[in-house]
């Protein structure tokens, strides 16, 4: 998916697309060498993810903090989370941490959460 995103961006002359995969510790595990080198300072206008919930709450909270703190001031993250895996409590936690979080829709046991930069 990362390679396809990067390829589609290049094919459509979208030079501001940075497709990367970030491990739960915040380290880049895929993407171009330039993306990996720039990752510590890079900011994102948008983030789309079905985050790893089953890695445990502390690791997930750490991972999401690393990701969401990379949003630009007007950046938005879109997260898909299963209801029975704690989507509502995750939304509550993100709100408590200062990110404006809202449930956009719910379908087939999944929640689509919109998270705005803090």
PDB file of N, CA and C in Angstrom:
ATOM      1  N   UNK A   1       0.828  -1.190   0.000  1.00  0.00           N
ATOM      2  CA  UNK A   1       0.000   0.000   0.000  1.00  0.00           C
ATOM      3  C   UNK A   1       0.873   1.255   0.000  1.00  0.00           C
ATOM      4  N   UNK A   2       1.970   1.215   0.744  1.00  0.00           N
ATOM      5  CA  UNK A   2       2.854   2.379   0.797  1.00  0.00           C
ATOM      6  C   UNK A   2       3.493   2.617  -0.562  1.00  0.00           C
ATOM      7  N   UNK A   3       3.989   1.550  -1.173  1.00  0.00           N
ATOM      8  CA  UNK A   3       4.609   1.688  -2.489  1.00  0.00           C
ATOM      9  C   UNK A   3       3.595   2.165  -3.522  1.00  0.00           C
ATOM     10  N   UNK A   4       2.372   1.652  -3.467  1.00  0.00           N
ATOM     11  CA  UNK A   4       1.332   2.068  -4.403  1.00  0.00           C
ATOM     12  C   UNK A   4       0.966   3.534  -4.203  1.00  0.00           C
ATOM     13  N   UNK A   5       0.876   3.971  -2.961  1.00  0.00           N
ATOM     14  CA  UNK A   5       0.585   5.378  -2.676  1.00  0.00           C
ATOM     15  C   UNK A   5       1.683   6.271  -3.241  1.00  0.00           C
ATOM     16  N   UNK A   6       2.931   5.910  -2.996  1.00  0.00           N
ATOM     17  CA  UNK A   6       4.057   6.694  -3.515  1.00  0.00           C
ATOM     18  C   UNK A   6       4.048   6.706  -5.040  1.00  0.00           C
ATOM     19  N   UNK A   7       3.780   5.561  -5.635  1.00  0.00           N
ATOM     20  CA  UNK A   7       3.751   5.459  -7.103  1.00  0.00           C
ATOM     21  C   UNK A   7       2.632   6.309  -7.685  1.00  0.00           C
ATOM     22  N   UNK A   8       1.438   6.225  -7.105  1.00  0.00           N
ATOM     23  CA  UNK A   8       0.318   7.024  -7.599  1.00  0.00           C
ATOM     24  C   UNK A   8       0.602   8.514  -7.461  1.00  0.00           C
ATOM     25  N   UNK A   9       1.230   8.905  -6.367  1.00  0.00           N
ATOM     26  CA  UNK A   9       1.600  10.309  -6.204  1.00  0.00           C
ATOM     27  C   UNK A   9       2.554  10.759  -7.288  1.00  0.00           C
ATOM     28  N   UNK A  10       3.560   9.945  -7.568  1.00  0.00           N
ATOM     29  CA  UNK A  10       4.539  10.286  -8.601  1.00  0.00           C
ATOM     30  C   UNK A  10       3.890  10.335  -9.982  1.00  0.00           C
ATOM     31  N   UNK A  11       3.027   9.369 -10.282  1.00  0.00           N
ATOM     32  CA  UNK A  11       2.354   9.339 -11.584  1.00  0.00           C
ATOM     33  C   UNK A  11       1.449  10.546 -11.801  1.00  0.00           C
ATOM     34  N   UNK A  12       0.959  11.114 -10.709  1.00  0.00           N
ATOM     35  CA  UNK A  12       0.052  12.256 -10.809  1.00  0.00           C
ATOM     36  C   UNK A  12       0.732  13.577 -10.458  1.00  0.00           C
ATOM     37  N   UNK A  13       2.067  13.583 -10.488  1.00  0.00           N
ATOM     38  CA  UNK A  13       2.859  14.789 -10.214  1.00  0.00           C
ATOM     39  C   UNK A  13       2.537  15.437  -8.874  1.00  0.00           C
ATOM     40  N   UNK A  14       2.225  14.634  -7.879  1.00  0.00           N
ATOM     41  CA  UNK A  14       1.967  15.134  -6.521  1.00  0.00           C
ATOM     42  C   UNK A  14       3.264  15.011  -5.728  1.00  0.00           C
ATOM     43  N   UNK A  15       4.061  16.045  -5.767  1.00  0.00           N
ATOM     44  CA  UNK A  15       5.387  15.991  -5.149  1.00  0.00           C
ATOM     45  C   UNK A  15       5.356  16.146  -3.638  1.00  0.00           C
ATOM     46  N   UNK A  16       4.196  16.494  -3.072  1.00  0.00           N
ATOM     47  CA  UNK A  16       4.120  16.701  -1.623  1.00  0.00           C
ATOM     48  C   UNK A  16       3.542  15.505  -0.877  1.00  0.00           C
ATOM     49  N   UNK A  17       3.478  14.344  -1.523  1.00  0.00           N
ATOM     50  CA  UNK A  17       2.994  13.129  -0.865  1.00  0.00           C
ATOM     51  C   UNK A  17       4.184  12.368  -0.292  1.00  0.00           C
ATOM     52  N   UNK A  18       4.114  12.039   0.994  1.00  0.00           N
ATOM     53  CA  UNK A  18       5.160  11.263   1.664  1.00  0.00           C
ATOM     54  C   UNK A  18       4.507   9.997   2.210  1.00  0.00           C
ATOM     55  N   UNK A  19       4.704   8.888   1.536  1.00  0.00           N
ATOM     56  CA  UNK A  19       4.117   7.619   1.959  1.00  0.00           C
ATOM     57  C   UNK A  19       5.143   6.862   2.788  1.00  0.00           C
ATOM     58  N   UNK A  20       4.854   6.667   4.066  1.00  0.00           N
ATOM     59  CA  UNK A  20       5.772   5.967   4.959  1.00  0.00           C
ATOM     60  C   UNK A  20       4.985   5.040   5.876  1.00  0.00           C
ATOM     61  N   UNK A  21       5.667   4.033   6.369  1.00  0.00           N
ATOM     62  CA  UNK A  21       5.125   3.160   7.400  1.00  0.00           C
ATOM     63  C   UNK A  21       5.961   3.407   8.642  1.00  0.00           C
ATOM     64  N   UNK A  22       5.283   3.608   9.758  1.00  0.00           N
ATOM     65  CA  UNK A  22       5.982   3.884  11.004  1.00  0.00           C
ATOM     66  C   UNK A  22       5.664   2.782  11.998  1.00  0.00           C
ATOM     67  N   UNK A  23       6.707   2.213  12.594  1.00  0.00           N
ATOM     68  CA  UNK A  23       6.541   1.180  13.605  1.00  0.00           C
ATOM     69  C   UNK A  23       5.984   1.806  14.880  1.00  0.00           C
ATOM     70  N   UNK A  24       5.564   0.974  15.824  1.00  0.00           N
ATOM     71  CA  UNK A  24       4.956   1.486  17.055  1.00  0.00           C
ATOM     72  C   UNK A  24       5.918   2.342  17.878  1.00  0.00           C
ATOM     73  N   UNK A  25       7.230   2.205  17.640  1.00  0.00           N
ATOM     74  CA  UNK A  25       8.191   3.044  18.368  1.00  0.00           C
ATOM     75  C   UNK A  25       8.503   4.342  17.630  1.00  0.00           C
ATOM     76  N   UNK A  26       7.826   4.568  16.502  1.00  0.00           N
ATOM     77  CA  UNK A  26       8.015   5.804  15.756  1.00  0.00           C
ATOM     78  C   UNK A  26       9.071   5.734  14.678  1.00  0.00           C
ATOM     79  N   UNK A  27       9.753   4.602  14.539  1.00  0.00           N
ATOM     80  CA  UNK A  27      10.797   4.498  13.524  1.00  0.00           C
ATOM     81  C   UNK A  27      10.198   4.097  12.180  1.00  0.00           C
ATOM     82  N   UNK A  28      10.735   4.689  11.123  1.00  0.00           N
ATOM     83  CA  UNK A  28      10.255   4.377   9.780  1.00  0.00           C
ATOM     84  C   UNK A  28      10.715   2.979   9.396  1.00  0.00           C
ATOM     85  N   UNK A  29       9.812   2.199   8.836  1.00  0.00           N
ATOM     86  CA  UNK A  29      10.178   0.848   8.410  1.00  0.00           C
ATOM     87  C   UNK A  29       9.970   0.655   6.916  1.00  0.00           C
ATOM     88  N   UNK A  30       9.507   1.693   6.214  1.00  0.00           N
ATOM     89  CA  UNK A  30       9.326   1.612   4.775  1.00  0.00           C
ATOM     90  C   UNK A  30       9.314   3.029   4.229  1.00  0.00           C
ATOM     91  N   UNK A  31       9.382   3.154   2.933  1.00  0.00           N
ATOM     92  CA  UNK A  31       9.405   4.461   2.295  1.00  0.00           C
ATOM     93  C   UNK A  31      10.756   4.673   1.642  1.00  0.00           C
ATOM     94  N   UNK A  32      10.905   5.801   0.995  1.00  0.00           N
ATOM     95  CA  UNK A  32      12.169   6.089   0.328  1.00  0.00           C
ATOM     96  C   UNK A  32      13.215   6.508   1.357  1.00  0.00           C
ATOM     97  N   UNK A  33      14.455   6.464   0.944  1.00  0.00           N
ATOM     98  CA  UNK A  33      15.537   6.882   1.845  1.00  0.00           C
ATOM     99  C   UNK A  33      15.351   8.336   2.268  1.00  0.00           C
ATOM    100  N   UNK A  34      14.859   9.161   1.343  1.00  0.00           N
ATOM    101  CA  UNK A  34      14.628  10.570   1.658  1.00  0.00           C
ATOM    102  C   UNK A  34      13.531  10.713   2.714  1.00  0.00           C
ATOM    103  N   UNK A  35      12.466   9.926   2.586  1.00  0.00           N
ATOM    104  CA  UNK A  35      11.379   9.982   3.567  1.00  0.00           C
ATOM    105  C   UNK A  35      11.873   9.568   4.945  1.00  0.00           C
ATOM    106  N   UNK A  36      12.650   8.502   4.989  1.00  0.00           N
ATOM    107  CA  UNK A  36      13.147   8.001   6.268  1.00  0.00           C
ATOM    108  C   UNK A  36      14.087   9.020   6.907  1.00  0.00           C
ATOM    109  N   UNK A  37      14.956   9.628   6.108  1.00  0.00           N
ATOM    110  CA  UNK A  37      15.880  10.624   6.646  1.00  0.00           C
ATOM    111  C   UNK A  37      15.133  11.852   7.154  1.00  0.00           C
ATOM    112  N   UNK A  38      14.037  12.214   6.490  1.00  0.00           N
ATOM    113  CA  UNK A  38      13.287  13.417   6.856  1.00  0.00           C
ATOM    114  C   UNK A  38      12.265  13.170   7.952  1.00  0.00           C
ATOM    115  N   UNK A  39      12.023  11.936   8.301  1.00  0.00           N
ATOM    116  CA  UNK A  39      10.933  11.611   9.216  1.00  0.00           C
ATOM    117  C   UNK A  39      10.974  12.341  10.554  1.00  0.00           C
ATOM    118  N   UNK A  40      12.110  12.522  11.199  1.00  0.00           N
ATOM    119  CA  UNK A  40      12.069  13.184  12.506  1.00  0.00           C
ATOM    120  C   UNK A  40      11.444  14.576  12.478  1.00  0.00           C
ATOM    121  N   UNK A  41      11.557  15.302  11.371  1.00  0.00           N
ATOM    122  CA  UNK A  41      11.044  16.661  11.300  1.00  0.00           C
ATOM    123  C   UNK A  41       9.800  16.806  10.431  1.00  0.00           C
ATOM    124  N   UNK A  42       9.374  15.760   9.796  1.00  0.00           N
ATOM    125  CA  UNK A  42       8.276  15.864   8.839  1.00  0.00           C
ATOM    126  C   UNK A  42       6.932  16.016   9.552  1.00  0.00           C
ATOM    127  N   UNK A  43       6.042  16.804   8.957  1.00  0.00           N
ATOM    128  CA  UNK A  43       4.691  17.012   9.484  1.00  0.00           C
ATOM    129  C   UNK A  43       3.705  16.608   8.390  1.00  0.00           C
ATOM    130  N   UNK A  44       2.513  16.214   8.786  1.00  0.00           N
ATOM    131  CA  UNK A  44       1.526  15.725   7.835  1.00  0.00           C
ATOM    132  C   UNK A  44       0.229  16.510   7.929  1.00  0.00           C
ATOM    133  N   UNK A  45      -0.363  16.790   6.768  1.00  0.00           N
ATOM    134  CA  UNK A  45      -1.685  17.421   6.715  1.00  0.00           C
ATOM    135  C   UNK A  45      -2.782  16.388   6.914  1.00  0.00           C
ATOM    136  N   UNK A  46      -2.490  15.150   6.562  1.00  0.00           N
ATOM    137  CA  UNK A  46      -3.481  14.091   6.689  1.00  0.00           C
ATOM    138  C   UNK A  46      -2.841  12.778   7.054  1.00  0.00           C
ATOM    139  N   UNK A  47      -3.579  11.986   7.795  1.00  0.00           N
ATOM    140  CA  UNK A  47      -3.114  10.674   8.223  1.00  0.00           C
ATOM    141  C   UNK A  47      -4.319   9.740   8.148  1.00  0.00           C
ATOM    142  N   UNK A  48      -4.159   8.606   7.493  1.00  0.00           N
ATOM    143  CA  UNK A  48      -5.216   7.614   7.381  1.00  0.00           C
ATOM    144  C   UNK A  48      -4.677   6.300   7.924  1.00  0.00           C
ATOM    145  N   UNK A  49      -5.404   5.703   8.867  1.00  0.00           N
ATOM    146  CA  UNK A  49      -4.884   4.479   9.476  1.00  0.00           C
ATOM    147  C   UNK A  49      -5.990   3.626  10.078  1.00  0.00           C
ATOM    148  N   UNK A  50      -5.725   2.347  10.090  1.00  0.00           N
ATOM    149  CA  UNK A  50      -6.466   1.374  10.879  1.00  0.00           C
ATOM    150  C   UNK A  50      -5.434   0.922  11.914  1.00  0.00           C
ATOM    151  N   UNK A  51      -5.288   1.688  13.008  1.00  0.00           N
ATOM    152  CA  UNK A  51      -4.158   1.459  13.916  1.00  0.00           C
ATOM    153  C   UNK A  51      -4.192   0.098  14.602  1.00  0.00           C
ATOM    154  N   UNK A  52      -3.010  -0.383  14.932  1.00  0.00           N
ATOM    155  CA  UNK A  52      -2.867  -1.656  15.641  1.00  0.00           C
ATOM    156  C   UNK A  52      -3.382  -1.494  17.062  1.00  0.00           C
ATOM    157  N   UNK A  53      -4.513  -2.093  17.351  1.00  0.00           N
ATOM    158  CA  UNK A  53      -5.123  -1.993  18.673  1.00  0.00           C
ATOM    159  C   UNK A  53      -4.578  -3.082  19.590  1.00  0.00           C
ATOM    160  N   UNK A  54      -4.293  -4.238  19.031  1.00  0.00           N
ATOM    161  CA  UNK A  54      -3.929  -5.401  19.845  1.00  0.00           C
ATOM    162  C   UNK A  54      -2.489  -5.401  20.326  1.00  0.00           C
ATOM    163  N   UNK A  55      -1.761  -4.317  20.111  1.00  0.00           N
ATOM    164  CA  UNK A  55      -0.387  -4.244  20.620  1.00  0.00           C
ATOM    165  C   UNK A  55      -0.367  -3.843  22.088  1.00  0.00           C
ATOM    166  N   UNK A  56      -1.524  -3.530  22.638  1.00  0.00           N
ATOM    167  CA  UNK A  56      -1.632  -3.128  24.038  1.00  0.00           C
ATOM    168  C   UNK A  56      -1.793  -1.620  24.156  1.00  0.00           C
ATOM    169  N   UNK A  57      -2.513  -1.213  25.198  1.00  0.00           N
ATOM    170  CA  UNK A  57      -2.816   0.211  25.359  1.00  0.00           C
ATOM    171  C   UNK A  57      -1.583   1.098  25.471  1.00  0.00           C
ATOM    172  N   UNK A  58      -0.605   0.762  26.318  1.00  0.00           N
ATOM    173  CA  UNK A  58       0.556   1.659  26.422  1.00  0.00           C
ATOM    174  C   UNK A  58       1.272   1.854  25.080  1.00  0.00           C
ATOM    175  N   UNK A  59       1.496   0.763  24.356  1.00  0.00           N
ATOM    176  CA  UNK A  59       2.179   0.863  23.061  1.00  0.00           C
ATOM    177  C   UNK A  59       1.324   1.617  22.051  1.00  0.00           C
ATOM    178  N   UNK A  60       0.019   1.351  22.052  1.00  0.00           N
ATOM    179  CA  UNK A  60      -0.873   2.034  21.116  1.00  0.00           C
ATOM    180  C   UNK A  60      -0.939   3.525  21.423  1.00  0.00           C
ATOM    181  N   UNK A  61      -1.046   3.885  22.697  1.00  0.00           N
ATOM    182  CA  UNK A  61      -1.085   5.299  23.066  1.00  0.00           C
ATOM    183  C   UNK A  61       0.215   5.999  22.662  1.00  0.00           C
ATOM    184  N   UNK A  62       1.341   5.330  22.884  1.00  0.00           N
ATOM    185  CA  UNK A  62       2.636   5.891  22.486  1.00  0.00           C
ATOM    186  C   UNK A  62       2.686   6.091  20.973  1.00  0.00           C
ATOM    187  N   UNK A  63       2.279   5.071  20.227  1.00  0.00           N
ATOM    188  CA  UNK A  63       2.291   5.128  18.770  1.00  0.00           C
ATOM    189  C   UNK A  63       1.398   6.262  18.266  1.00  0.00           C
ATOM    190  N   UNK A  64       0.176   6.347  18.787  1.00  0.00           N
ATOM    191  CA  UNK A  64      -0.743   7.389  18.332  1.00  0.00           C
ATOM    192  C   UNK A  64      -0.248   8.781  18.709  1.00  0.00           C
ATOM    193  N   UNK A  65       0.373   8.911  19.852  1.00  0.00           N
ATOM    194  CA  UNK A  65       0.933  10.210  20.238  1.00  0.00           C
ATOM    195  C   UNK A  65       2.014  10.634  19.248  1.00  0.00           C
ATOM    196  N   UNK A  66       2.896   9.700  18.882  1.00  0.00           N
ATOM    197  CA  UNK A  66       3.930  10.011  17.892  1.00  0.00           C
ATOM    198  C   UNK A  66       3.309  10.427  16.565  1.00  0.00           C
ATOM    199  N   UNK A  67       2.293   9.683  16.133  1.00  0.00           N
ATOM    200  CA  UNK A  67       1.647   9.979  14.853  1.00  0.00           C
ATOM    201  C   UNK A  67       0.903  11.299  14.896  1.00  0.00           C
ATOM    202  N   UNK A  68       0.024  11.456  15.880  1.00  0.00           N
ATOM    203  CA  UNK A  68      -0.868  12.615  15.912  1.00  0.00           C
ATOM    204  C   UNK A  68      -0.112  13.911  16.179  1.00  0.00           C
ATOM    205  N   UNK A  69       0.986  13.830  16.896  1.00  0.00           N
ATOM    206  CA  UNK A  69       1.790  15.034  17.122  1.00  0.00           C
ATOM    207  C   UNK A  69       2.554  15.466  15.871  1.00  0.00           C
ATOM    208  N   UNK A  70       2.531  14.661  14.831  1.00  0.00           N
ATOM    209  CA  UNK A  70       3.143  15.033  13.551  1.00  0.00           C
ATOM    210  C   UNK A  70       2.153  15.766  12.639  1.00  0.00           C
ATOM    211  N   UNK A  71       0.910  15.901  13.061  1.00  0.00           N
ATOM    212  CA  UNK A  71      -0.064  16.631  12.252  1.00  0.00           C
ATOM    213  C   UNK A  71       0.268  18.119  12.240  1.00  0.00           C
ATOM    214  N   UNK A  72       0.066  18.753  11.090  1.00  0.00           N
ATOM    215  CA  UNK A  72       0.193  20.206  11.015  1.00  0.00           C
ATOM    216  C   UNK A  72      -0.941  20.819  11.832  1.00  0.00           C
ATOM    217  N   UNK A  73      -0.892  22.113  12.132  1.00  0.00           N
ATOM    218  CA  UNK A  73      -1.962  22.722  12.934  1.00  0.00           C
ATOM    219  C   UNK A  73      -3.373  22.523  12.370  1.00  0.00           C
ATOM    220  N   UNK A  74      -3.491  22.402  11.063  1.00  0.00           N
ATOM    221  CA  UNK A  74      -4.807  22.161  10.457  1.00  0.00           C
ATOM    222  C   UNK A  74      -4.967  20.710  10.009  1.00  0.00           C
ATOM    223  N   UNK A  75      -4.027  19.854  10.395  1.00  0.00           N
ATOM    224  CA  UNK A  75      -4.044  18.458   9.976  1.00  0.00           C
ATOM    225  C   UNK A  75      -5.165  17.650  10.608  1.00  0.00           C
ATOM    226  N   UNK A  76      -5.573  16.612   9.889  1.00  0.00           N
ATOM    227  CA  UNK A  76      -6.643  15.724  10.354  1.00  0.00           C
ATOM    228  C   UNK A  76      -6.205  14.277  10.161  1.00  0.00           C
ATOM    229  N   UNK A  77      -6.462  13.467  11.169  1.00  0.00           N
ATOM    230  CA  UNK A  77      -6.239  12.022  11.071  1.00  0.00           C
ATOM    231  C   UNK A  77      -7.597  11.342  10.980  1.00  0.00           C
ATOM    232  N   UNK A  78      -7.663  10.322  10.151  1.00  0.00           N
ATOM    233  CA  UNK A  78      -8.867   9.501  10.015  1.00  0.00           C
ATOM    234  C   UNK A  78      -8.492   8.097  10.460  1.00  0.00           C
ATOM    235  N   UNK A  79      -9.125   7.625  11.523  1.00  0.00           N
ATOM    236  CA  UNK A  79      -8.802   6.317  12.091  1.00  0.00           C
ATOM    237  C   UNK A  79     -10.017   5.409  12.025  1.00  0.00           C
ATOM    238  N   UNK A  80      -9.816   4.186  11.563  1.00  0.00           N
ATOM    239  CA  UNK A  80     -10.867   3.170  11.547  1.00  0.00           C
ATOM    240  C   UNK A  80     -10.561   2.193  12.677  1.00  0.00           C
ATOM    241  N   UNK A  81     -11.515   2.060  13.605  1.00  0.00           N
ATOM    242  CA  UNK A  81     -11.298   1.213  14.781  1.00  0.00           C
ATOM    243  C   UNK A  81     -12.559   0.405  15.048  1.00  0.00           C
ATOM    244  N   UNK A  82     -12.398  -0.880  15.338  1.00  0.00           N
ATOM    245  CA  UNK A  82     -13.552  -1.710  15.678  1.00  0.00           C
ATOM    246  C   UNK A  82     -14.146  -1.270  17.009  1.00  0.00           C
ATOM    247  N   UNK A  83     -15.455  -1.253  17.047  1.00  0.00           N
ATOM    248  CA  UNK A  83     -16.167  -0.859  18.262  1.00  0.00           C
ATOM    249  C   UNK A  83     -15.806  -1.781  19.413  1.00  0.00           C
ATOM    250  N   UNK A  84     -15.828  -3.099  19.166  1.00  0.00           N
ATOM    251  CA  UNK A  84     -15.572  -4.041  20.265  1.00  0.00           C
ATOM    252  C   UNK A  84     -14.096  -4.102  20.677  1.00  0.00           C
ATOM    253  N   UNK A  85     -13.223  -3.424  19.931  1.00  0.00           N
ATOM    254  CA  UNK A  85     -11.817  -3.341  20.333  1.00  0.00           C
ATOM    255  C   UNK A  85     -11.507  -2.008  21.009  1.00  0.00           C
ATOM    256  N   UNK A  86     -12.558  -1.263  21.358  1.00  0.00           N
ATOM    257  CA  UNK A  86     -12.351  -0.066  22.164  1.00  0.00           C
ATOM    258  C   UNK A  86     -12.336   1.254  21.428  1.00  0.00           C
ATOM    259  N   UNK A  87     -13.052   1.350  20.311  1.00  0.00           N
ATOM    260  CA  UNK A  87     -13.069   2.606  19.554  1.00  0.00           C
ATOM    261  C   UNK A  87     -13.549   3.779  20.400  1.00  0.00           C
ATOM    262  N   UNK A  88     -14.593   3.560  21.191  1.00  0.00           N
ATOM    263  CA  UNK A  88     -15.156   4.663  21.970  1.00  0.00           C
ATOM    264  C   UNK A  88     -14.219   5.101  23.092  1.00  0.00           C
ATOM    265  N   UNK A  89     -13.598   4.144  23.780  1.00  0.00           N
ATOM    266  CA  UNK A  89     -12.662   4.531  24.842  1.00  0.00           C
ATOM    267  C   UNK A  89     -11.403   5.162  24.251  1.00  0.00           C
ATOM    268  N   UNK A  90     -11.005   4.726  23.058  1.00  0.00           N
ATOM    269  CA  UNK A  90      -9.864   5.352  22.395  1.00  0.00           C
ATOM    270  C   UNK A  90     -10.194   6.799  22.035  1.00  0.00           C
ATOM    271  N   UNK A  91     -11.397   7.025  21.524  1.00  0.00           N
ATOM    272  CA  UNK A  91     -11.824   8.397  21.204  1.00  0.00           C
ATOM    273  C   UNK A  91     -11.822   9.257  22.460  1.00  0.00           C
ATOM    274  N   UNK A  92     -12.309   8.706  23.559  1.00  0.00           N
ATOM    275  CA  UNK A  92     -12.304   9.445  24.831  1.00  0.00           C
ATOM    276  C   UNK A  92     -10.876   9.779  25.259  1.00  0.00           C
ATOM    277  N   UNK A  93      -9.965   8.806  25.147  1.00  0.00           N
ATOM    278  CA  UNK A  93      -8.571   9.031  25.536  1.00  0.00           C
ATOM    279  C   UNK A  93      -7.939  10.130  24.684  1.00  0.00           C
ATOM    280  N   UNK A  94      -8.172  10.085  23.359  1.00  0.00           N
ATOM    281  CA  UNK A  94      -7.579  11.105  22.490  1.00  0.00           C
ATOM    282  C   UNK A  94      -8.120  12.489  22.832  1.00  0.00           C
ATOM    283  N   UNK A  95      -9.407  12.575  23.138  1.00  0.00           N
ATOM    284  CA  UNK A  95      -9.998  13.852  23.549  1.00  0.00           C
ATOM    285  C   UNK A  95      -9.359  14.344  24.839  1.00  0.00           C
ATOM    286  N   UNK A  96      -9.170  13.437  25.799  1.00  0.00           N
ATOM    287  CA  UNK A  96      -8.523  13.802  27.070  1.00  0.00           C
ATOM    288  C   UNK A  96      -7.094  14.306  26.861  1.00  0.00           C
ATOM    289  N   UNK A  97      -6.431  13.815  25.813  1.00  0.00           N
ATOM    290  CA  UNK A  97      -5.057  14.225  25.524  1.00  0.00           C
ATOM    291  C   UNK A  97      -4.994  15.555  24.770  1.00  0.00           C
ATOM    292  N   UNK A  98      -6.144  16.082  24.376  1.00  0.00           N
ATOM    293  CA  UNK A  98      -6.169  17.389  23.722  1.00  0.00           C
ATOM    294  C   UNK A  98      -6.441  17.378  22.237  1.00  0.00           C
ATOM    295  N   UNK A  99      -6.632  16.209  21.648  1.00  0.00           N
ATOM    296  CA  UNK A  99      -6.994  16.145  20.234  1.00  0.00           C
ATOM    297  C   UNK A  99      -8.514  16.181  20.131  1.00  0.00           C
ATOM    298  N   UNK A 100      -9.035  17.053  19.285  1.00  0.00           N
ATOM    299  CA  UNK A 100     -10.471  17.094  19.049  1.00  0.00           C
ATOM    300  C   UNK A 100     -10.838  15.845  18.259  1.00  0.00           C
ATOM    301  N   UNK A 101     -11.645  14.994  18.853  1.00  0.00           N
ATOM    302  CA  UNK A 101     -11.968  13.697  18.263  1.00  0.00           C
ATOM    303  C   UNK A 101     -13.471  13.558  18.127  1.00  0.00           C
ATOM    304  N   UNK A 102     -13.915  13.129  16.959  1.00  0.00           N
ATOM    305  CA  UNK A 102     -15.347  12.904  16.770  1.00  0.00           C
ATOM    306  C   UNK A 102     -15.577  11.649  15.939  1.00  0.00           C
ATOM    307  N   UNK A 103     -16.679  10.981  16.232  1.00  0.00           N
ATOM    308  CA  UNK A 103     -17.071   9.806  15.459  1.00  0.00           C
ATOM    309  C   UNK A 103     -17.835  10.311  14.239  1.00  0.00           C
ATOM    310  N   UNK A 104     -17.310  10.041  13.068  1.00  0.00           N
ATOM    311  CA  UNK A 104     -17.928  10.496  11.832  1.00  0.00           C
ATOM    312  C   UNK A 104     -19.051   9.555  11.427  1.00  0.00           C
ATOM    313  N   UNK A 105     -18.798   8.259  11.525  1.00  0.00           N
ATOM    314  CA  UNK A 105     -19.835   7.281  11.210  1.00  0.00           C
ATOM    315  C   UNK A 105     -19.483   5.947  11.863  1.00  0.00           C
ATOM    316  N   UNK A 106     -20.462   5.073  11.856  1.00  0.00           N
ATOM    317  CA  UNK A 106     -20.314   3.754  12.442  1.00  0.00           C
ATOM    318  C   UNK A 106     -21.029   2.770  11.528  1.00  0.00           C
ATOM    319  N   UNK A 107     -20.332   1.684  11.175  1.00  0.00           N
ATOM    320  CA  UNK A 107     -20.943   0.704  10.279  1.00  0.00           C
ATOM    321  C   UNK A 107     -20.275  -0.652  10.479  1.00  0.00           C
ATOM    322  N   UNK A 108     -21.088  -1.681  10.542  1.00  0.00           N
ATOM    323  CA  UNK A 108     -20.614  -3.066  10.641  1.00  0.00           C
ATOM    324  C   UNK A 108     -19.617  -3.261  11.783  1.00  0.00           C
ATOM    325  N   UNK A 109     -19.847  -2.568  12.890  1.00  0.00           N
ATOM    326  CA  UNK A 109     -18.990  -2.733  14.050  1.00  0.00           C
ATOM    327  C   UNK A 109     -17.722  -1.904  14.032  1.00  0.00           C
ATOM    328  N   UNK A 110     -17.570  -1.048  13.039  1.00  0.00           N
ATOM    329  CA  UNK A 110     -16.394  -0.187  12.942  1.00  0.00           C
ATOM    330  C   UNK A 110     -16.792   1.262  13.154  1.00  0.00           C
ATOM    331  N   UNK A 111     -15.861   2.037  13.686  1.00  0.00           N
ATOM    332  CA  UNK A 111     -16.047   3.472  13.858  1.00  0.00           C
ATOM    333  C   UNK A 111     -15.012   4.191  12.989  1.00  0.00           C
ATOM    334  N   UNK A 112     -15.447   5.261  12.353  1.00  0.00           N
ATOM    335  CA  UNK A 112     -14.528   6.149  11.658  1.00  0.00           C
ATOM    336  C   UNK A 112     -14.370   7.379  12.536  1.00  0.00           C
ATOM    337  N   UNK A 113     -13.157   7.580  13.032  1.00  0.00           N
ATOM    338  CA  UNK A 113     -12.873   8.694  13.933  1.00  0.00           C
ATOM    339  C   UNK A 113     -12.086   9.771  13.195  1.00  0.00           C
ATOM    340  N   UNK A 114     -12.530  11.011  13.370  1.00  0.00           N
ATOM    341  CA  UNK A 114     -11.804  12.165  12.851  1.00  0.00           C
ATOM    342  C   UNK A 114     -11.064  12.791  14.032  1.00  0.00           C
ATOM    343  N   UNK A 115      -9.760  12.955  13.882  1.00  0.00           N
ATOM    344  CA  UNK A 115      -8.936  13.486  14.966  1.00  0.00           C
ATOM    345  C   UNK A 115      -8.197  14.711  14.440  1.00  0.00           C
ATOM    346  N   UNK A 116      -8.404  15.851  15.101  1.00  0.00           N
ATOM    347  CA  UNK A 116      -7.761  17.097  14.678  1.00  0.00           C
ATOM    348  C   UNK A 116      -6.543  17.373  15.548  1.00  0.00           C
ATOM    349  N   UNK A 117      -5.564  18.032  14.956  1.00  0.00           N
ATOM    350  CA  UNK A 117      -4.319  18.351  15.664  1.00  0.00           C
ATOM    351  C   UNK A 117      -4.607  19.147  16.926  1.00  0.00           C
ATOM    352  N   UNK A 118      -3.762  18.937  17.938  1.00  0.00           N
ATOM    353  CA  UNK A 118      -3.943  19.705  19.184  1.00  0.00           C
ATOM    354  C   UNK A 118      -3.046  20.920  19.199  1.00  0.00           C
TER     355      UNK A 118
END
